[in-house]
Amino acid sequence: MDTLQGRTEKLSSTYDSFILSLNEGSGVLSGFLSELTETFTFALDALIRFNTSWEDLYEKAESLGRSEGVKKFQKSINELKQNGVPEMEALSVTLGQARLNFLKFDIEGAEKFLFGLPENINLIKFS
């Protein structure tokens, strides 16, 4: 162990043991570093969100919504087909339900807009 190479190998081995003890340990240092890492991860995620434009966020949400909608649509068709409904009928039923859901969403949005209109007008008057 008198050579630099021997000391470097011992240091490397000790470092590996230290890292393993942190990963497997439940001591104060392990807990602190775990919390610190989680805090940095949260902070970096927040910085990423702050650095993302509204257009990018909208596009991501739209893409995710479209993807989830396609999955839900396909799942509905598959469930109907598994229950013995012919494919074209399953497609028609699923499309009809999607149209009703879309209409319901439009009606709810219109109601929120209309019921909020007097309040919005009052805000405009006194602004």
N, C-alpha and C. Protein backbone atom coordinates (compact mmCIF):
# COMPACT_ATOMS: atom_id res chain seq x y z
N MET A 1 0.81 -1.20 0.00
CA MET A 1 0.00 0.00 0.00
C MET A 1 0.85 1.27 0.00
N ASP A 2 2.12 1.11 -0.21
CA ASP A 2 2.99 2.27 -0.21
C ASP A 2 3.00 2.99 -1.55
N THR A 3 2.41 2.38 -2.58
CA THR A 3 2.41 3.03 -3.89
C THR A 3 1.15 3.86 -4.06
N LEU A 4 1.21 4.78 -4.98
CA LEU A 4 0.05 5.62 -5.29
C LEU A 4 -1.09 4.78 -5.83
N GLN A 5 -0.76 3.79 -6.66
CA GLN A 5 -1.79 2.93 -7.22
C GLN A 5 -2.52 2.16 -6.10
N GLY A 6 -1.78 1.65 -5.13
CA GLY A 6 -2.37 0.93 -4.01
C GLY A 6 -3.29 1.82 -3.19
N ARG A 7 -2.83 3.02 -2.93
CA ARG A 7 -3.65 3.97 -2.16
C ARG A 7 -4.90 4.39 -2.94
N THR A 8 -4.75 4.54 -4.26
CA THR A 8 -5.89 4.91 -5.10
C THR A 8 -6.93 3.79 -5.11
N GLU A 9 -6.49 2.55 -5.19
CA GLU A 9 -7.41 1.41 -5.16
C GLU A 9 -8.14 1.34 -3.82
N LYS A 10 -7.41 1.60 -2.73
CA LYS A 10 -8.03 1.59 -1.40
C LYS A 10 -9.06 2.72 -1.30
N LEU A 11 -8.72 3.89 -1.81
CA LEU A 11 -9.66 5.01 -1.82
C LEU A 11 -10.90 4.67 -2.62
N SER A 12 -10.70 4.06 -3.79
CA SER A 12 -11.82 3.69 -4.65
C SER A 12 -12.72 2.69 -3.94
N SER A 13 -12.12 1.70 -3.29
CA SER A 13 -12.89 0.69 -2.56
C SER A 13 -13.67 1.32 -1.40
N THR A 14 -13.01 2.21 -0.68
CA THR A 14 -13.67 2.89 0.44
C THR A 14 -14.82 3.76 -0.05
N TYR A 15 -14.60 4.45 -1.16
CA TYR A 15 -15.65 5.29 -1.75
C TYR A 15 -16.85 4.44 -2.16
N ASP A 16 -16.59 3.30 -2.81
CA ASP A 16 -17.68 2.40 -3.21
C ASP A 16 -18.47 1.93 -1.99
N SER A 17 -17.75 1.59 -0.92
CA SER A 17 -18.42 1.16 0.32
C SER A 17 -19.27 2.29 0.91
N PHE A 18 -18.75 3.51 0.85
CA PHE A 18 -19.47 4.67 1.35
C PHE A 18 -20.78 4.88 0.56
N ILE A 19 -20.69 4.82 -0.76
CA ILE A 19 -21.88 5.00 -1.61
C ILE A 19 -22.89 3.90 -1.33
N LEU A 20 -22.43 2.65 -1.21
CA LEU A 20 -23.35 1.55 -0.88
C LEU A 20 -24.01 1.77 0.48
N SER A 21 -23.25 2.25 1.45
CA SER A 21 -23.83 2.49 2.78
C SER A 21 -24.87 3.60 2.74
N LEU A 22 -24.66 4.60 1.87
CA LEU A 22 -25.66 5.66 1.73
C LEU A 22 -26.93 5.14 1.09
N ASN A 23 -26.77 4.31 0.06
CA ASN A 23 -27.94 3.77 -0.65
C ASN A 23 -28.74 2.82 0.22
N GLU A 24 -28.06 2.03 1.02
CA GLU A 24 -28.73 1.01 1.82
C GLU A 24 -29.02 1.47 3.25
N GLY A 25 -28.43 2.56 3.66
CA GLY A 25 -28.53 2.98 5.05
C GLY A 25 -29.78 3.78 5.35
N SER A 26 -30.02 3.91 6.64
CA SER A 26 -31.15 4.72 7.10
C SER A 26 -30.67 5.72 8.15
N GLY A 27 -29.40 6.05 8.07
CA GLY A 27 -28.81 6.97 9.03
C GLY A 27 -29.12 8.42 8.69
N VAL A 28 -28.59 9.31 9.50
CA VAL A 28 -28.82 10.74 9.36
C VAL A 28 -28.31 11.25 8.01
N LEU A 29 -27.10 10.85 7.65
CA LEU A 29 -26.50 11.33 6.40
C LEU A 29 -27.29 10.80 5.19
N SER A 30 -27.68 9.54 5.22
CA SER A 30 -28.48 8.97 4.13
C SER A 30 -29.80 9.71 3.99
N GLY A 31 -30.46 9.96 5.10
CA GLY A 31 -31.74 10.69 5.07
C GLY A 31 -31.57 12.10 4.55
N PHE A 32 -30.52 12.77 5.03
CA PHE A 32 -30.27 14.14 4.59
C PHE A 32 -30.02 14.21 3.09
N LEU A 33 -29.14 13.33 2.59
CA LEU A 33 -28.83 13.34 1.16
C LEU A 33 -30.04 12.94 0.31
N SER A 34 -30.85 12.04 0.83
CA SER A 34 -32.06 11.65 0.12
C SER A 34 -33.03 12.83 0.00
N GLU A 35 -33.23 13.54 1.11
CA GLU A 35 -34.11 14.72 1.09
C GLU A 35 -33.53 15.82 0.21
N LEU A 36 -32.23 16.00 0.27
CA LEU A 36 -31.57 17.02 -0.54
C LEU A 36 -31.75 16.71 -2.03
N THR A 37 -31.57 15.45 -2.39
CA THR A 37 -31.75 15.04 -3.78
C THR A 37 -33.19 15.25 -4.23
N GLU A 38 -34.15 14.91 -3.38
CA GLU A 38 -35.57 15.11 -3.71
C GLU A 38 -35.88 16.60 -3.87
N THR A 39 -35.31 17.43 -3.01
CA THR A 39 -35.52 18.87 -3.09
C THR A 39 -34.95 19.44 -4.39
N PHE A 40 -33.74 19.02 -4.75
CA PHE A 40 -33.14 19.48 -6.01
C PHE A 40 -33.97 19.03 -7.21
N THR A 41 -34.48 17.80 -7.17
CA THR A 41 -35.31 17.30 -8.26
C THR A 41 -36.57 18.15 -8.40
N PHE A 42 -37.21 18.45 -7.27
CA PHE A 42 -38.41 19.28 -7.28
C PHE A 42 -38.09 20.67 -7.83
N ALA A 43 -36.97 21.24 -7.39
CA ALA A 43 -36.59 22.58 -7.85
C ALA A 43 -36.30 22.59 -9.35
N LEU A 44 -35.61 21.58 -9.84
CA LEU A 44 -35.32 21.52 -11.28
C LEU A 44 -36.59 21.34 -12.09
N ASP A 45 -37.53 20.51 -11.60
CA ASP A 45 -38.82 20.36 -12.29
C ASP A 45 -39.56 21.69 -12.35
N ALA A 46 -39.51 22.45 -11.26
CA ALA A 46 -40.17 23.76 -11.24
C ALA A 46 -39.51 24.71 -12.23
N LEU A 47 -38.19 24.69 -12.30
CA LEU A 47 -37.49 25.54 -13.27
C LEU A 47 -37.84 25.17 -14.71
N ILE A 48 -37.98 23.89 -14.96
CA ILE A 48 -38.38 23.44 -16.30
C ILE A 48 -39.77 23.98 -16.63
N ARG A 49 -40.70 23.91 -15.66
CA ARG A 49 -42.06 24.43 -15.89
C ARG A 49 -42.03 25.95 -16.11
N PHE A 50 -41.23 26.66 -15.32
CA PHE A 50 -41.12 28.12 -15.49
C PHE A 50 -40.54 28.49 -16.85
N ASN A 51 -39.70 27.63 -17.36
CA ASN A 51 -39.04 27.91 -18.63
C ASN A 51 -39.87 27.45 -19.84
N THR A 52 -41.01 26.83 -19.59
CA THR A 52 -41.85 26.33 -20.66
C THR A 52 -42.93 27.37 -20.98
N SER A 53 -43.08 27.66 -22.24
CA SER A 53 -44.08 28.67 -22.64
C SER A 53 -45.49 28.08 -22.50
N TRP A 54 -46.47 28.97 -22.42
CA TRP A 54 -47.87 28.55 -22.33
C TRP A 54 -48.26 27.73 -23.56
N GLU A 55 -47.71 28.10 -24.72
CA GLU A 55 -48.03 27.37 -25.94
C GLU A 55 -47.52 25.93 -25.85
N ASP A 56 -46.30 25.77 -25.34
CA ASP A 56 -45.75 24.42 -25.19
C ASP A 56 -46.56 23.60 -24.19
N LEU A 57 -46.94 24.23 -23.08
CA LEU A 57 -47.76 23.53 -22.08
C LEU A 57 -49.11 23.13 -22.67
N TYR A 58 -49.71 24.03 -23.45
CA TYR A 58 -50.99 23.73 -24.09
C TYR A 58 -50.84 22.56 -25.05
N GLU A 59 -49.76 22.59 -25.86
CA GLU A 59 -49.54 21.52 -26.83
C GLU A 59 -49.33 20.18 -26.12
N LYS A 60 -48.58 20.18 -25.02
CA LYS A 60 -48.36 18.94 -24.27
C LYS A 60 -49.67 18.42 -23.69
N ALA A 61 -50.47 19.33 -23.12
CA ALA A 61 -51.75 18.92 -22.55
C ALA A 61 -52.69 18.41 -23.63
N GLU A 62 -52.70 19.10 -24.76
CA GLU A 62 -53.56 18.69 -25.88
C GLU A 62 -53.15 17.31 -26.38
N SER A 63 -51.86 17.09 -26.52
CA SER A 63 -51.35 15.81 -27.00
C SER A 63 -51.69 14.69 -26.01
N LEU A 64 -51.50 14.96 -24.73
CA LEU A 64 -51.82 13.97 -23.71
C LEU A 64 -53.32 13.69 -23.70
N GLY A 65 -54.14 14.72 -23.80
CA GLY A 65 -55.59 14.54 -23.84
C GLY A 65 -56.03 13.72 -25.04
N ARG A 66 -55.43 14.01 -26.19
CA ARG A 66 -55.76 13.27 -27.41
C ARG A 66 -55.38 11.81 -27.24
N SER A 67 -54.19 11.56 -26.71
CA SER A 67 -53.73 10.20 -26.51
C SER A 67 -54.63 9.43 -25.55
N GLU A 68 -55.00 10.07 -24.44
CA GLU A 68 -55.89 9.43 -23.47
C GLU A 68 -57.27 9.19 -24.08
N GLY A 69 -57.75 10.13 -24.89
CA GLY A 69 -59.04 9.97 -25.55
C GLY A 69 -59.06 8.79 -26.50
N VAL A 70 -57.98 8.63 -27.26
CA VAL A 70 -57.88 7.51 -28.20
C VAL A 70 -57.88 6.19 -27.42
N LYS A 71 -57.13 6.14 -26.32
CA LYS A 71 -57.08 4.92 -25.50
C LYS A 71 -58.46 4.58 -24.95
N LYS A 72 -59.15 5.60 -24.43
CA LYS A 72 -60.47 5.38 -23.84
C LYS A 72 -61.47 4.94 -24.92
N PHE A 73 -61.38 5.56 -26.10
CA PHE A 73 -62.25 5.24 -27.22
C PHE A 73 -62.04 3.78 -27.64
N GLN A 74 -60.78 3.38 -27.80
CA GLN A 74 -60.46 2.01 -28.22
C GLN A 74 -60.87 1.01 -27.15
N LYS A 75 -60.69 1.36 -25.88
CA LYS A 75 -61.08 0.48 -24.78
C LYS A 75 -62.58 0.24 -24.80
N SER A 76 -63.34 1.31 -25.04
CA SER A 76 -64.80 1.19 -25.08
C SER A 76 -65.24 0.26 -26.22
N ILE A 77 -64.64 0.44 -27.39
CA ILE A 77 -64.97 -0.43 -28.53
C ILE A 77 -64.63 -1.88 -28.21
N ASN A 78 -63.45 -2.11 -27.66
CA ASN A 78 -63.02 -3.47 -27.33
C ASN A 78 -63.94 -4.12 -26.30
N GLU A 79 -64.37 -3.37 -25.29
CA GLU A 79 -65.27 -3.93 -24.28
C GLU A 79 -66.60 -4.32 -24.90
N LEU A 80 -67.12 -3.49 -25.79
CA LEU A 80 -68.39 -3.82 -26.46
C LEU A 80 -68.22 -5.06 -27.33
N LYS A 81 -67.11 -5.14 -28.06
CA LYS A 81 -66.87 -6.30 -28.91
C LYS A 81 -66.73 -7.58 -28.09
N GLN A 82 -66.09 -7.48 -26.92
CA GLN A 82 -65.94 -8.65 -26.05
C GLN A 82 -67.29 -9.12 -25.52
N ASN A 83 -68.24 -8.21 -25.45
CA ASN A 83 -69.58 -8.56 -24.99
C ASN A 83 -70.49 -8.97 -26.15
N GLY A 84 -69.90 -9.22 -27.31
CA GLY A 84 -70.65 -9.76 -28.43
C GLY A 84 -71.25 -8.73 -29.37
N VAL A 85 -70.96 -7.45 -29.18
CA VAL A 85 -71.49 -6.41 -30.06
C VAL A 85 -70.63 -6.40 -31.33
N PRO A 86 -71.27 -6.42 -32.51
CA PRO A 86 -70.50 -6.36 -33.76
C PRO A 86 -69.66 -5.09 -33.83
N GLU A 87 -68.54 -5.17 -34.56
CA GLU A 87 -67.57 -4.08 -34.58
C GLU A 87 -68.18 -2.75 -35.03
N MET A 88 -68.94 -2.75 -36.11
CA MET A 88 -69.51 -1.49 -36.61
C MET A 88 -70.51 -0.90 -35.61
N GLU A 89 -71.26 -1.76 -34.95
CA GLU A 89 -72.21 -1.27 -33.94
C GLU A 89 -71.46 -0.73 -32.73
N ALA A 90 -70.38 -1.41 -32.34
CA ALA A 90 -69.56 -0.94 -31.22
C ALA A 90 -68.96 0.43 -31.54
N LEU A 91 -68.51 0.59 -32.78
CA LEU A 91 -67.96 1.87 -33.21
C LEU A 91 -69.03 2.95 -33.17
N SER A 92 -70.22 2.63 -33.66
CA SER A 92 -71.32 3.60 -33.69
C SER A 92 -71.74 4.01 -32.28
N VAL A 93 -71.85 3.04 -31.39
CA VAL A 93 -72.24 3.32 -30.00
C VAL A 93 -71.19 4.19 -29.33
N THR A 94 -69.92 3.85 -29.53
CA THR A 94 -68.84 4.61 -28.90
C THR A 94 -68.78 6.03 -29.44
N LEU A 95 -68.96 6.19 -30.76
CA LEU A 95 -69.01 7.53 -31.34
C LEU A 95 -70.17 8.34 -30.78
N GLY A 96 -71.33 7.70 -30.65
CA GLY A 96 -72.50 8.39 -30.09
C GLY A 96 -72.24 8.85 -28.66
N GLN A 97 -71.62 7.99 -27.87
CA GLN A 97 -71.31 8.35 -26.48
C GLN A 97 -70.30 9.49 -26.44
N ALA A 98 -69.31 9.44 -27.33
CA ALA A 98 -68.31 10.51 -27.39
C ALA A 98 -68.97 11.84 -27.74
N ARG A 99 -69.92 11.81 -28.69
CA ARG A 99 -70.63 13.04 -29.07
C ARG A 99 -71.43 13.59 -27.90
N LEU A 100 -72.09 12.69 -27.14
CA LEU A 100 -72.86 13.13 -25.97
C LEU A 100 -71.94 13.74 -24.91
N ASN A 101 -70.79 13.11 -24.69
CA ASN A 101 -69.84 13.64 -23.71
C ASN A 101 -69.33 15.00 -24.14
N PHE A 102 -69.07 15.15 -25.44
CA PHE A 102 -68.58 16.41 -25.97
C PHE A 102 -69.65 17.49 -25.81
N LEU A 103 -70.89 17.15 -26.11
CA LEU A 103 -72.00 18.09 -25.98
C LEU A 103 -72.18 18.48 -24.51
N LYS A 104 -72.09 17.50 -23.61
CA LYS A 104 -72.22 17.78 -22.18
C LYS A 104 -71.12 18.75 -21.74
N PHE A 105 -69.91 18.53 -22.23
CA PHE A 105 -68.79 19.40 -21.90
C PHE A 105 -69.05 20.82 -22.41
N ASP A 106 -69.57 20.93 -23.63
CA ASP A 106 -69.89 22.24 -24.20
C ASP A 106 -70.98 22.94 -23.39
N ILE A 107 -72.00 22.20 -22.99
CA ILE A 107 -73.10 22.78 -22.21
C ILE A 107 -72.59 23.27 -20.85
N GLU A 108 -71.76 22.45 -20.19
CA GLU A 108 -71.20 22.86 -18.90
C GLU A 108 -70.35 24.12 -19.05
N GLY A 109 -69.58 24.19 -20.12
CA GLY A 109 -68.76 25.37 -20.35
C GLY A 109 -69.60 26.60 -20.61
N ALA A 110 -70.68 26.42 -21.39
CA ALA A 110 -71.59 27.54 -21.68
C ALA A 110 -72.28 28.01 -20.40
N GLU A 111 -72.70 27.05 -19.56
CA GLU A 111 -73.35 27.42 -18.30
C GLU A 111 -72.40 28.21 -17.41
N LYS A 112 -71.17 27.76 -17.31
CA LYS A 112 -70.20 28.48 -16.48
C LYS A 112 -70.00 29.90 -17.01
N PHE A 113 -69.92 30.01 -18.33
CA PHE A 113 -69.74 31.32 -18.93
C PHE A 113 -70.96 32.20 -18.67
N LEU A 114 -72.16 31.67 -18.92
CA LEU A 114 -73.38 32.47 -18.78
C LEU A 114 -73.65 32.82 -17.32
N PHE A 115 -73.47 31.86 -16.41
CA PHE A 115 -73.74 32.14 -15.01
C PHE A 115 -72.68 33.07 -14.42
N GLY A 116 -71.49 33.07 -14.98
CA GLY A 116 -70.45 33.96 -14.51
C GLY A 116 -70.50 35.32 -15.17
N LEU A 117 -71.35 35.46 -16.20
CA LEU A 117 -71.41 36.71 -16.96
C LEU A 117 -71.80 37.91 -16.10
N PRO A 118 -72.86 37.83 -15.27
CA PRO A 118 -73.19 39.01 -14.45
C PRO A 118 -72.03 39.42 -13.54
N GLU A 119 -71.35 38.45 -12.97
CA GLU A 119 -70.21 38.75 -12.10
C GLU A 119 -69.09 39.40 -12.91
N ASN A 120 -68.84 38.88 -14.10
CA ASN A 120 -67.80 39.44 -14.97
C ASN A 120 -68.16 40.86 -15.41
N ILE A 121 -69.44 41.10 -15.69
CA ILE A 121 -69.87 42.43 -16.09
C ILE A 121 -69.67 43.41 -14.95
N ASN A 122 -70.01 43.00 -13.71
CA ASN A 122 -69.79 43.86 -12.55
C ASN A 122 -68.32 44.18 -12.38
N LEU A 123 -67.46 43.21 -12.64
CA LEU A 123 -66.03 43.46 -12.51
C LEU A 123 -65.57 44.47 -13.55
N ILE A 124 -66.13 44.37 -14.75
CA ILE A 124 -65.76 45.29 -15.83
C ILE A 124 -66.23 46.70 -15.51
N LYS A 125 -67.45 46.83 -14.95
CA LYS A 125 -68.00 48.14 -14.64
C LYS A 125 -67.13 48.89 -13.64
N PHE A 126 -66.66 48.16 -12.62
CA PHE A 126 -65.93 48.82 -11.53
C PHE A 126 -64.42 48.82 -11.72
N SER A 127 -63.96 48.31 -12.83
CA SER A 127 -62.52 48.28 -13.06
C SER A 127 -62.00 49.63 -13.49
